[in-house]
Structure formats: C-alpha cells, structure tokens
Amino acid sequence: MTASDRAAQLVRIAAEAAGDKLADDILAYDVSEQLVITDAFVLCSASNDRQVRAIVDEIEKRLREEADAKPIRREGEREGRWVLLDYADIIVHVQHEEDRLFYALERLWKDCPLVELPESVNAHSAQRVRKVGSASE
C-alpha cells in the first residue's frame, strides 16, 4: 500500500508552502506501510521560532485554500520550536533546526520511502549553498 492521491496532493502543497517561506531541508516520507494513522510525514526546519510560525501559517493557509483541508490537531504552537499539524492524511512537522537535529525524525523513518517533491521546494537551500561555496573560494 502507498500513500493515497489525496495525501500526495497535500504533501506537495505543504512542501511548496514551506519552501515559499524558506524552510530548510524539506522532506516527505510515505509512512503508510508503517502507520495506520496517516499516509505521509512532511518534515522541515527553520532557523528561529518566528520563521517556524510563519511556515506553519503559510502551510495552513495554502492547504485550506488549495485543498479545503484543515488540521484536525495542532500541537506545539505556543513554544514555536516544533509545531505538528495533523491533517489525518498527512502530518506536518515544522521544527527549529536545533530540535530537528536533536530528535532526528529522519533516522526513525529512514526505512520508509521518500516522497518525491518538486525541485522548486528546496531551490532556495541549493542557492544558499552555492553562494556560500562560491564566497569561500
């Protein structure tokens, strides 16, 4: 069994919204074989609490507007370090980069297949790496 078409649509929208707010290291895993509660996880990180909140706001806005989806559960919003948005079909984790490194969700789900995301989703990260690389040369 693989993630549903609805889950794939929500993953794409959430990942693009996160990318538009300059989230880092955006990944999505198809966890449908491992979990019965959801089909996919979207993971991304931000460098500060304010950016975490901005990413969460954009994801919620875009999923509501483009897919008529509202989270059934939201956790961690007050602290702004790790916000979880549960849409039933997908679960979105927006983490402060320090928390992302510490909890390393990628390590937990590494056996699950990655969901292919549009190249544009992480394009800003690639540009930043190229600029940093060329500045040090």
Protein backbone atom coordinates (compact mmCIF):
# COMPACT_ATOMS: atom_id res chain seq x y z
CA MET A 1 0.00 0.00 0.00
CA THR A 2 1.23 3.50 -0.77
CA ALA A 3 0.10 6.95 0.21
CA SER A 4 -3.24 7.98 -1.27
CA ASP A 5 -3.57 10.51 -4.09
CA ARG A 6 -5.11 12.92 -1.57
CA ALA A 7 -2.07 12.53 0.70
CA ALA A 8 0.27 13.13 -2.25
CA GLN A 9 -1.64 16.31 -3.12
CA LEU A 10 -1.45 17.57 0.48
CA VAL A 11 2.27 16.73 0.71
CA ARG A 12 3.00 18.71 -2.45
CA ILE A 13 1.03 21.76 -1.29
CA ALA A 14 2.54 21.70 2.22
CA ALA A 15 6.09 21.28 0.88
CA GLU A 16 5.66 24.12 -1.63
CA ALA A 17 4.21 26.39 1.08
CA ALA A 18 7.15 25.60 3.38
CA GLY A 19 9.58 26.27 0.55
CA ASP A 20 7.94 29.61 -0.17
CA LYS A 21 8.68 30.62 3.44
CA LEU A 22 12.29 29.45 3.08
CA ALA A 23 12.04 26.33 5.24
CA ASP A 24 15.19 24.22 5.22
CA ASP A 25 15.68 20.56 4.36
CA ILE A 26 12.10 19.81 3.32
CA LEU A 27 11.47 16.06 3.13
CA ALA A 28 8.41 13.85 2.90
CA TYR A 29 8.13 10.18 3.81
CA ASP A 30 5.46 7.69 2.78
CA VAL A 31 4.70 6.06 6.14
CA SER A 32 1.52 4.29 5.01
CA GLU A 33 3.12 0.85 5.34
CA GLN A 34 4.27 1.57 8.90
CA LEU A 35 1.38 3.53 10.39
CA VAL A 36 -2.39 3.27 10.17
CA ILE A 37 -2.99 6.82 11.43
CA THR A 38 -1.54 8.68 8.42
CA ASP A 39 -0.09 8.18 4.95
CA ALA A 40 2.81 10.64 4.95
CA PHE A 41 5.03 12.86 7.05
CA VAL A 42 6.36 16.20 5.87
CA LEU A 43 9.45 17.43 7.73
CA CYS A 44 11.07 20.84 7.50
CA SER A 45 13.06 23.18 9.70
CA ALA A 46 13.63 26.86 10.33
CA SER A 47 16.40 28.87 11.92
CA ASN A 48 14.23 30.65 14.51
CA ASP A 49 10.87 30.49 16.28
CA ARG A 50 9.35 33.30 14.22
CA GLN A 51 10.16 31.53 10.98
CA VAL A 52 8.65 28.29 12.36
CA ARG A 53 5.39 30.18 12.94
CA ALA A 54 5.49 31.82 9.50
CA ILE A 55 5.98 28.44 7.82
CA VAL A 56 3.10 26.92 9.82
CA ASP A 57 0.82 29.84 8.92
CA GLU A 58 1.63 29.52 5.21
CA ILE A 59 1.11 25.74 5.18
CA GLU A 60 -2.27 26.10 6.92
CA LYS A 61 -3.34 28.90 4.57
CA ARG A 62 -2.36 27.08 1.38
CA LEU A 63 -3.85 23.73 2.41
CA ARG A 64 -7.10 25.48 3.34
CA GLU A 65 -7.25 27.47 0.08
CA GLU A 66 -5.96 24.88 -2.38
CA ALA A 67 -7.25 21.62 -0.89
CA ASP A 68 -10.01 22.67 1.52
CA ALA A 69 -8.03 20.94 4.28
CA LYS A 70 -7.98 21.97 7.92
CA PRO A 71 -5.82 20.39 10.62
CA ILE A 72 -7.67 18.07 12.97
CA ARG A 73 -4.97 18.63 15.57
CA ARG A 74 -2.23 21.18 16.14
CA GLU A 75 0.49 20.89 18.77
CA GLY A 76 3.48 22.96 19.91
CA GLU A 77 2.29 26.26 18.54
CA ARG A 78 2.81 28.24 21.73
CA GLU A 79 6.50 27.34 22.05
CA GLY A 80 7.21 27.74 18.34
CA ARG A 81 10.04 25.20 18.39
CA TRP A 82 8.27 22.16 16.96
CA VAL A 83 4.79 22.51 15.54
CA LEU A 84 2.88 19.43 14.47
CA LEU A 85 -0.07 19.80 12.08
CA ASP A 86 -2.23 16.69 11.77
CA TYR A 87 -4.38 16.56 8.62
CA ALA A 88 -5.20 12.84 9.03
CA ASP A 89 -3.84 12.02 5.54
CA ILE A 90 -0.54 13.72 6.33
CA ILE A 91 1.26 15.02 9.39
CA VAL A 92 3.49 18.07 9.02
CA HIS A 93 6.41 18.66 11.40
CA VAL A 94 7.92 22.16 11.36
CA GLN A 95 10.92 22.21 13.67
CA HIS A 96 13.51 24.67 14.87
CA GLU A 97 16.79 23.42 13.36
CA GLU A 98 18.26 22.57 16.79
CA ASP A 99 15.23 20.41 17.66
CA ARG A 100 15.37 18.77 14.24
CA LEU A 101 18.97 17.75 14.81
CA PHE A 102 18.27 16.54 18.35
CA TYR A 103 15.15 14.48 17.59
CA ALA A 104 16.33 13.28 14.15
CA LEU A 105 12.98 12.07 12.87
CA GLU A 106 14.68 11.13 9.60
CA ARG A 107 16.55 8.43 11.48
CA LEU A 108 13.27 6.96 12.76
CA TRP A 109 11.65 6.86 9.31
CA LYS A 110 14.70 6.11 7.15
CA ASP A 111 13.26 2.76 6.04
CA CYS A 112 10.17 4.44 4.62
CA PRO A 113 10.27 5.63 1.01
CA LEU A 114 10.83 9.31 0.37
CA VAL A 115 8.05 11.10 -1.46
CA GLU A 116 9.42 12.92 -4.48
CA LEU A 117 8.96 16.67 -4.14
CA PRO A 118 9.14 19.35 -6.85
CA GLU A 119 12.69 20.68 -7.29
CA SER A 120 11.48 24.19 -6.52
CA VAL A 121 10.68 23.19 -2.93
CA ASN A 122 14.34 23.17 -1.82
CA ALA A 123 15.70 25.51 -4.51
CA HIS A 124 16.45 28.33 -2.06
CA SER A 125 18.62 26.00 0.05
CA ALA A 126 20.61 24.97 -3.01
CA GLN A 127 21.12 28.63 -3.95
CA ARG A 128 22.33 29.45 -0.44
CA VAL A 129 24.81 26.55 -0.52
CA ARG A 130 26.13 27.68 -3.92
CA LYS A 131 26.54 31.29 -2.70
CA VAL A 132 28.35 30.18 0.46
CA GLY A 133 30.55 27.81 -1.54
CA SER A 134 31.50 30.47 -4.10
CA ALA A 135 32.18 33.09 -1.39
CA SER A 136 34.73 30.82 0.28
CA GLU A 137 36.60 30.08 -2.93
